[in-house]
Amino acid sequence: ETNDERLGLLLLCCSPGGAASNFWTAMFDGDINLSVTMTFISSIFSFAFTTVWIYLLGTPLVSKTIAIPYIRLVISLVSFTIPIIIGVAFKHWFPKAGKVLKEKVSRPFFFICLLILPAVGVWNNLHFFYLATWRHLMSGFLLGTGGYIAGASLAFICRMERPQIVAISLETAIQNGGIAFIVLNLTFPSPYSDMGVMPILGFFFCSTGPIMMVVYAVYLIVKKVRNKPEFVQVNKDEDHLDQIK
């Protein structure tokens, strides 16, 4: 363990939500409107709260000033907001086409994105598999699992329905790790920045990337089993009467 690695984990926790949480919310039949709203709000408040947490906890940890990528935060907010505005306008002016896109196109598109992004991440960070230790894996797993459980538990205590519980759980756990990457690269030269990235990669591999595909596969199997039509026993006398009629 080094302070660089601790800082990487702190930066990930301080980052706002990302589009991945919205995609997974749609895949797990959650409340996508709530998920998008939470991501938007967290992105706005990240200008203040990300700065405060990094200043209070991050700066003393490494004994140096940490650069906050405000431009990146703005780009993230704009790139998130503009597609939403376009989608809302399209649904308003073309409701039938919007319904078709929602039912036929959105989920396959989200699924392809959720396949491509982890694949690219694995390819660009192959060094993780050579340098990772059980601490990196366990910290990433605990961070994600703790977020899922905390969000779902709070939503359940507030007596919310299943779609809202799914959205809040995913939004609580999944963060925009790209901001943490940029902060580390702006603050430290290599190899210190590479060391700080290790727990972030552990989080992606153990909480949001490949492991979520496994969870989603299990979810589809359970969903298919539950929705399997049951055979209804027909009384022979009633069946005979129907034939006579």
Protein backbone atom coordinates (compact mmCIF):
# COMPACT_ATOMS: atom_id res chain seq x y z
CA GLU A 1 0.00 0.00 0.00
CA THR A 2 1.16 3.52 -0.84
CA ASN A 3 -0.39 6.95 -0.44
CA ASP A 4 -0.69 7.11 -4.23
CA GLU A 5 -2.95 4.07 -4.21
CA ARG A 6 -4.98 5.43 -1.31
CA LEU A 7 -5.39 8.70 -3.20
CA GLY A 8 -6.59 6.82 -6.29
CA LEU A 9 -9.29 5.12 -4.27
CA LEU A 10 -10.27 8.44 -2.67
CA LEU A 11 -10.50 10.17 -6.05
CA LEU A 12 -12.76 7.41 -7.34
CA CYS A 13 -15.07 7.81 -4.36
CA CYS A 14 -15.19 11.59 -4.89
CA SER A 15 -16.05 11.34 -8.59
CA PRO A 16 -19.64 11.91 -9.77
CA GLY A 17 -21.78 9.25 -11.38
CA GLY A 18 -21.26 8.25 -14.98
CA ALA A 19 -23.26 7.03 -17.97
CA ALA A 20 -22.48 3.40 -17.15
CA SER A 21 -24.87 3.52 -14.21
CA ASN A 22 -27.65 4.72 -16.53
CA PHE A 23 -26.94 1.91 -19.00
CA TRP A 24 -26.96 -0.76 -16.30
CA THR A 25 -30.13 0.68 -14.78
CA ALA A 26 -31.87 0.23 -18.12
CA MET A 27 -30.52 -3.31 -18.49
CA PHE A 28 -31.74 -4.31 -15.02
CA ASP A 29 -35.20 -2.77 -15.57
CA GLY A 30 -34.61 0.06 -13.12
CA ASP A 31 -35.97 3.59 -13.08
CA ILE A 32 -33.90 5.19 -15.82
CA ASN A 33 -35.43 8.64 -15.22
CA LEU A 34 -34.31 8.58 -11.59
CA SER A 35 -30.86 7.30 -12.58
CA VAL A 36 -30.33 10.08 -15.14
CA THR A 37 -31.55 12.69 -12.66
CA MET A 38 -29.13 11.45 -9.98
CA THR A 39 -26.23 11.45 -12.43
CA PHE A 40 -27.05 15.00 -13.54
CA ILE A 41 -27.31 16.29 -9.97
CA SER A 42 -24.10 14.56 -8.85
CA SER A 43 -22.27 16.00 -11.86
CA ILE A 44 -23.37 19.53 -10.95
CA PHE A 45 -22.53 19.23 -7.26
CA SER A 46 -19.19 17.59 -8.05
CA PHE A 47 -17.75 21.04 -8.82
CA ALA A 48 -18.08 21.85 -5.13
CA PHE A 49 -17.98 18.57 -3.24
CA THR A 50 -15.23 16.86 -5.26
CA THR A 51 -13.05 19.90 -4.63
CA VAL A 52 -13.84 19.96 -0.90
CA TRP A 53 -13.15 16.25 -0.32
CA ILE A 54 -9.93 16.29 -2.31
CA TYR A 55 -8.73 19.38 -0.48
CA LEU A 56 -9.62 18.04 2.98
CA LEU A 57 -8.52 14.43 2.56
CA GLY A 58 -6.40 14.17 -0.57
CA THR A 59 -3.98 17.06 -0.11
CA PRO A 60 -2.83 16.00 3.39
CA LEU A 61 -2.45 12.43 2.14
CA VAL A 62 0.20 13.26 -0.47
CA SER A 63 1.42 16.61 0.93
CA LYS A 64 0.94 18.47 -2.32
CA THR A 65 -1.70 20.43 -4.19
CA ILE A 66 -3.96 18.26 -6.32
CA ALA A 67 -5.18 19.68 -9.62
CA ILE A 68 -8.93 19.49 -10.12
CA PRO A 69 -9.91 18.95 -13.81
CA TYR A 70 -12.76 21.43 -13.95
CA ILE A 71 -12.70 21.43 -17.74
CA ARG A 72 -13.16 17.68 -17.68
CA LEU A 73 -16.08 18.06 -15.29
CA VAL A 74 -17.68 20.60 -17.63
CA ILE A 75 -17.13 18.36 -20.65
CA SER A 76 -18.59 15.41 -18.77
CA LEU A 77 -21.67 17.42 -17.78
CA VAL A 78 -22.20 18.83 -21.28
CA SER A 79 -21.68 15.48 -23.02
CA PHE A 80 -24.20 13.98 -20.61
CA THR A 81 -26.80 16.76 -20.89
CA ILE A 82 -26.90 17.36 -24.65
CA PRO A 83 -27.91 13.78 -25.61
CA ILE A 84 -30.65 13.92 -22.95
CA ILE A 85 -32.02 17.17 -24.41
CA ILE A 86 -31.93 15.72 -27.91
CA GLY A 87 -33.66 12.54 -26.72
CA VAL A 88 -36.41 14.44 -24.89
CA ALA A 89 -37.03 16.66 -27.93
CA PHE A 90 -37.09 13.68 -30.29
CA LYS A 91 -39.57 11.84 -28.06
CA HIS A 92 -41.75 14.96 -27.89
CA TRP A 93 -41.86 15.59 -31.63
CA PHE A 94 -41.79 11.95 -32.76
CA PRO A 95 -43.48 9.90 -30.00
CA LYS A 96 -44.05 6.76 -32.10
CA ALA A 97 -40.48 6.62 -33.35
CA GLY A 98 -39.26 7.34 -29.82
CA LYS A 99 -41.23 4.41 -28.48
CA VAL A 100 -39.77 2.09 -31.11
CA LEU A 101 -36.25 3.24 -30.32
CA LYS A 102 -36.85 2.72 -26.61
CA GLU A 103 -38.26 -0.79 -26.99
CA LYS A 104 -36.16 -2.13 -29.88
CA VAL A 105 -32.89 -0.19 -30.09
CA SER A 106 -31.95 1.20 -26.67
CA ARG A 107 -31.10 -2.02 -24.85
CA PRO A 108 -29.03 -3.59 -27.66
CA PHE A 109 -27.16 -0.29 -27.96
CA PHE A 110 -26.52 -0.12 -24.21
CA PHE A 111 -25.39 -3.74 -24.18
CA ILE A 112 -22.90 -3.15 -27.02
CA CYS A 113 -21.51 -0.11 -25.20
CA LEU A 114 -21.18 -2.09 -21.98
CA LEU A 115 -19.29 -4.79 -23.89
CA ILE A 116 -16.97 -2.49 -25.79
CA LEU A 117 -15.97 -0.21 -22.90
CA PRO A 118 -14.66 -3.01 -20.61
CA ALA A 119 -12.94 -4.68 -23.57
CA VAL A 120 -11.11 -1.46 -24.43
CA GLY A 121 -10.29 -0.93 -20.76
CA VAL A 122 -8.80 -4.41 -20.46
CA TRP A 123 -6.75 -3.98 -23.62
CA ASN A 124 -5.32 -0.62 -22.52
CA ASN A 125 -4.51 -1.80 -19.00
CA LEU A 126 -3.06 -5.26 -19.43
CA HIS A 127 -0.33 -4.32 -16.96
CA PHE A 128 -2.97 -4.51 -14.23
CA PHE A 129 -2.98 -8.31 -14.40
CA TYR A 130 0.77 -8.41 -13.79
CA LEU A 131 0.87 -5.86 -10.98
CA ALA A 132 -2.44 -6.39 -9.19
CA THR A 133 -2.43 -7.80 -5.68
CA TRP A 134 -5.27 -9.11 -3.55
CA ARG A 135 -5.46 -5.68 -1.90
CA HIS A 136 -6.29 -3.98 -5.20
CA LEU A 137 -8.94 -6.57 -6.03
CA MET A 138 -10.45 -6.62 -2.57
CA SER A 139 -10.57 -2.83 -2.24
CA GLY A 140 -12.33 -2.51 -5.60
CA PHE A 141 -14.76 -5.29 -4.78
CA LEU A 142 -15.60 -3.90 -1.33
CA LEU A 143 -16.04 -0.37 -2.65
CA GLY A 144 -18.49 -1.47 -5.33
CA THR A 145 -20.34 -3.98 -3.17
CA GLY A 146 -20.59 -1.48 -0.32
CA GLY A 147 -22.08 1.08 -2.70
CA TYR A 148 -24.64 -1.37 -4.09
CA ILE A 149 -25.72 -2.52 -0.63
CA ALA A 150 -25.81 0.97 0.90
CA GLY A 151 -27.84 2.44 -1.95
CA ALA A 152 -30.29 -0.46 -2.08
CA SER A 153 -30.68 -0.54 1.70
CA LEU A 154 -31.41 3.18 1.94
CA ALA A 155 -33.93 2.98 -0.90
CA PHE A 156 -35.59 -0.03 0.74
CA ILE A 157 -35.81 1.74 4.10
CA CYS A 158 -37.47 4.67 2.33
CA ARG A 159 -40.08 2.18 1.03
CA MET A 160 -39.29 2.67 -2.63
CA GLU A 161 -40.30 0.27 -5.38
CA ARG A 162 -37.96 -2.18 -7.07
CA PRO A 163 -37.12 0.06 -10.11
CA GLN A 164 -36.09 2.91 -7.79
CA ILE A 165 -34.06 0.55 -5.57
CA VAL A 166 -32.16 -0.71 -8.62
CA ALA A 167 -31.46 2.82 -9.87
CA ILE A 168 -30.27 4.15 -6.51
CA SER A 169 -28.12 1.09 -5.85
CA LEU A 170 -26.33 1.31 -9.19
CA GLU A 171 -25.99 5.08 -9.07
CA THR A 172 -24.46 4.92 -5.60
CA ALA A 173 -21.80 2.39 -6.58
CA ILE A 174 -20.79 3.24 -10.16
CA GLN A 175 -18.61 6.35 -10.51
CA ASN A 176 -17.04 8.28 -13.37
CA GLY A 177 -13.55 6.87 -13.03
CA GLY A 178 -12.22 8.90 -15.94
CA ILE A 179 -12.03 11.96 -13.68
CA ALA A 180 -9.89 10.06 -11.17
CA PHE A 181 -7.56 8.97 -13.99
CA ILE A 182 -7.08 12.56 -15.16
CA VAL A 183 -6.44 13.90 -11.65
CA LEU A 184 -3.75 11.28 -11.04
CA ASN A 185 -2.05 11.98 -14.37
CA LEU A 186 -2.11 15.73 -13.74
CA THR A 187 -0.78 15.39 -10.21
CA PHE A 188 1.90 12.69 -10.47
CA PRO A 189 4.37 11.58 -13.12
CA SER A 190 4.70 7.93 -14.06
CA PRO A 191 5.12 5.46 -12.32
CA TYR A 192 3.40 7.13 -9.34
CA SER A 193 0.25 7.84 -11.34
CA ASP A 194 0.25 4.22 -12.53
CA MET A 195 0.38 3.06 -8.92
CA GLY A 196 -2.56 5.28 -8.03
CA VAL A 197 -4.59 3.84 -10.89
CA MET A 198 -4.32 0.25 -9.61
CA PRO A 199 -7.21 0.36 -7.07
CA ILE A 200 -9.35 2.17 -9.64
CA LEU A 201 -8.79 -0.63 -12.13
CA GLY A 202 -9.51 -3.11 -9.36
CA PHE A 203 -12.87 -1.42 -8.87
CA PHE A 204 -13.72 -1.61 -12.57
CA PHE A 205 -12.71 -5.24 -12.94
CA CYS A 206 -14.33 -6.45 -9.71
CA SER A 207 -17.42 -4.26 -9.41
CA THR A 208 -18.59 -2.77 -12.71
CA GLY A 209 -16.99 -4.43 -15.74
CA PRO A 210 -16.75 -8.18 -16.38
CA ILE A 211 -18.37 -9.16 -13.10
CA MET A 212 -21.47 -7.13 -13.95
CA MET A 213 -21.83 -9.14 -17.16
CA VAL A 214 -21.93 -12.29 -15.05
CA VAL A 215 -24.52 -10.77 -12.72
CA TYR A 216 -26.59 -9.66 -15.71
CA ALA A 217 -26.47 -13.16 -17.23
CA VAL A 218 -27.72 -14.61 -13.94
CA TYR A 219 -30.43 -11.93 -13.84
CA LEU A 220 -31.66 -12.89 -17.33
CA ILE A 221 -31.75 -16.58 -16.42
CA VAL A 222 -33.72 -15.94 -13.24
CA LYS A 223 -36.06 -13.58 -15.10
CA LYS A 224 -36.69 -16.16 -17.81
CA VAL A 225 -37.39 -18.90 -15.27
CA ARG A 226 -39.83 -16.74 -13.33
CA ASN A 227 -41.68 -15.67 -16.48
CA LYS A 228 -41.92 -19.23 -17.78
CA PRO A 229 -45.59 -20.02 -18.47
CA GLU A 230 -47.08 -22.62 -16.20
CA PHE A 231 -49.28 -25.47 -17.38
CA VAL A 232 -52.86 -25.17 -16.23
CA GLN A 233 -54.59 -28.41 -15.39
CA VAL A 234 -57.86 -28.78 -17.29
CA ASN A 235 -60.75 -30.73 -15.82
CA LYS A 236 -61.70 -33.59 -18.12
CA ASP A 237 -65.42 -33.03 -17.59
CA GLU A 238 -65.12 -29.35 -18.51
CA ASP A 239 -63.02 -30.25 -21.55
CA HIS A 240 -65.66 -32.80 -22.66
CA LEU A 241 -68.45 -30.24 -22.30
CA ASP A 242 -66.48 -27.74 -24.37
CA GLN A 243 -66.10 -30.31 -27.13
CA ILE A 244 -69.86 -31.00 -27.15
CA LYS A 245 -70.58 -27.28 -27.38
